[in-house]
Amino acid sequence: MAVGPAMISIEYQIHPEKSEEFKKLMAKSRKSRLRQSTLSWSPFNDAEHLGKFVEYFVFNTWADYLRRFDRFTAEDLKMQEERHRYHIDSHLPKITRRVSAAIID
């Protein structure tokens, strides 16, 4: 089982003219993510692809990430649906899950 921090990233493709609206929604999303026990959260604009946003958040452990689903509320689902409405790709937003790699000196 993975023991280190878990970093989750979600990639959204947004119409560039909707970027400001999406950023306002992401500000609301921050509160939801932090309530789910994330250690950190941040949205990023992709410097090479106009309209591409990457949301990332970190949990203390993989188990903490999995426990977030126990705390997932109807409001969280509504917010997820809102974020997905801004996403214009034919596929769902890409989710990448990473676990800290153990480095041995």
Protein backbone atom coordinates (compact mmCIF):
# COMPACT_ATOMS: atom_id res chain seq x y z
CA MET A 1 0.00 0.00 0.00
CA ALA A 2 1.19 3.51 -0.80
CA VAL A 3 2.17 5.47 2.31
CA GLY A 4 3.40 8.86 1.12
CA PRO A 5 1.49 11.92 0.01
CA ALA A 6 -0.94 11.50 -2.88
CA MET A 7 -1.20 14.20 -5.55
CA ILE A 8 -4.26 14.34 -7.76
CA SER A 9 -4.49 16.48 -10.88
CA ILE A 10 -7.49 17.12 -13.10
CA GLU A 11 -7.12 18.67 -16.55
CA TYR A 12 -9.94 20.78 -17.97
CA GLN A 13 -10.21 22.31 -21.43
CA ILE A 14 -12.27 25.50 -21.23
CA HIS A 15 -13.38 27.99 -23.89
CA PRO A 16 -10.90 30.86 -23.39
CA GLU A 17 -13.76 33.37 -23.17
CA LYS A 18 -15.18 31.39 -20.22
CA SER A 19 -11.89 31.40 -18.26
CA GLU A 20 -12.91 34.06 -15.74
CA GLU A 21 -16.20 32.30 -14.98
CA PHE A 22 -14.34 29.02 -14.55
CA LYS A 23 -11.83 30.64 -12.18
CA LYS A 24 -14.70 31.86 -9.99
CA LEU A 25 -16.07 28.33 -9.87
CA MET A 26 -12.61 27.01 -9.00
CA ALA A 27 -12.49 29.40 -6.03
CA LYS A 28 -15.63 27.69 -4.72
CA SER A 29 -14.08 24.30 -5.48
CA ARG A 30 -11.11 25.17 -3.29
CA LYS A 31 -13.32 25.28 -0.20
CA SER A 32 -14.77 21.88 -1.06
CA ARG A 33 -11.36 20.32 -1.63
CA LEU A 34 -9.95 21.73 1.61
CA ARG A 35 -12.98 20.42 3.52
CA GLN A 36 -12.07 16.97 2.18
CA SER A 37 -8.75 17.17 4.06
CA THR A 38 -6.37 18.17 1.30
CA LEU A 39 -3.00 19.53 2.39
CA SER A 40 -2.80 21.91 -0.55
CA TRP A 41 -4.82 22.91 -3.60
CA SER A 42 -4.14 25.11 -6.60
CA PRO A 43 -5.36 25.75 -10.15
CA PHE A 44 -2.88 26.33 -12.98
CA ASN A 45 -3.20 27.76 -16.46
CA ASP A 46 -1.29 25.71 -19.02
CA ALA A 47 1.28 28.13 -20.45
CA GLU A 48 1.37 26.29 -23.78
CA HIS A 49 -2.32 25.51 -24.39
CA LEU A 50 -4.89 28.30 -24.29
CA GLY A 51 -7.92 27.39 -22.20
CA LYS A 52 -6.32 24.40 -20.50
CA PHE A 53 -6.51 24.41 -16.71
CA VAL A 54 -4.99 21.93 -14.31
CA GLU A 55 -6.39 21.62 -10.81
CA TYR A 56 -4.13 19.85 -8.36
CA PHE A 57 -4.57 18.84 -4.75
CA VAL A 58 -2.51 16.81 -2.30
CA PHE A 59 -3.58 14.45 0.46
CA ASN A 60 -1.34 13.34 3.31
CA THR A 61 -1.69 9.68 2.28
CA TRP A 62 -3.39 7.53 -0.36
CA ALA A 63 -5.77 6.34 2.38
CA ASP A 64 -6.75 9.97 3.07
CA TYR A 65 -7.51 10.37 -0.62
CA LEU A 66 -9.73 7.29 -0.57
CA ARG A 67 -11.52 8.48 2.58
CA ARG A 68 -12.56 11.66 0.79
CA PHE A 69 -15.18 9.62 -1.03
CA ASP A 70 -16.80 8.88 2.34
CA ARG A 71 -17.13 12.64 2.85
CA PHE A 72 -18.41 13.38 -0.68
CA THR A 73 -21.65 15.37 -0.39
CA ALA A 74 -24.49 16.29 -2.73
CA GLU A 75 -22.96 19.79 -2.87
CA ASP A 76 -19.62 18.27 -3.94
CA LEU A 77 -21.40 16.38 -6.73
CA LYS A 78 -23.15 19.56 -7.86
CA MET A 79 -19.82 21.39 -7.98
CA GLN A 80 -18.21 18.56 -9.96
CA GLU A 81 -21.07 18.71 -12.47
CA GLU A 82 -20.60 22.48 -12.77
CA ARG A 83 -16.87 22.07 -13.45
CA HIS A 84 -17.62 19.42 -16.06
CA ARG A 85 -20.11 21.72 -17.83
CA TYR A 86 -17.23 24.10 -18.59
CA HIS A 87 -15.08 21.28 -20.00
CA ILE A 88 -15.36 21.29 -23.81
CA ASP A 89 -13.38 18.17 -24.73
CA SER A 90 -15.38 15.12 -25.89
CA HIS A 91 -13.79 13.08 -23.08
CA LEU A 92 -14.21 13.69 -19.36
CA PRO A 93 -11.52 15.78 -17.65
CA LYS A 94 -8.32 13.76 -17.33
CA ILE A 95 -7.59 12.70 -13.76
CA THR A 96 -4.06 11.67 -12.80
CA ARG A 97 -3.29 10.14 -9.42
CA ARG A 98 0.28 10.08 -8.14
CA VAL A 99 1.82 8.78 -4.93
CA SER A 100 5.09 10.05 -3.50
CA ALA A 101 8.11 8.01 -4.55
CA ALA A 102 10.33 6.78 -1.75
CA ILE A 103 13.86 8.11 -2.22
CA ILE A 104 16.67 6.26 -0.51
CA ASP A 105 19.92 8.15 0.12
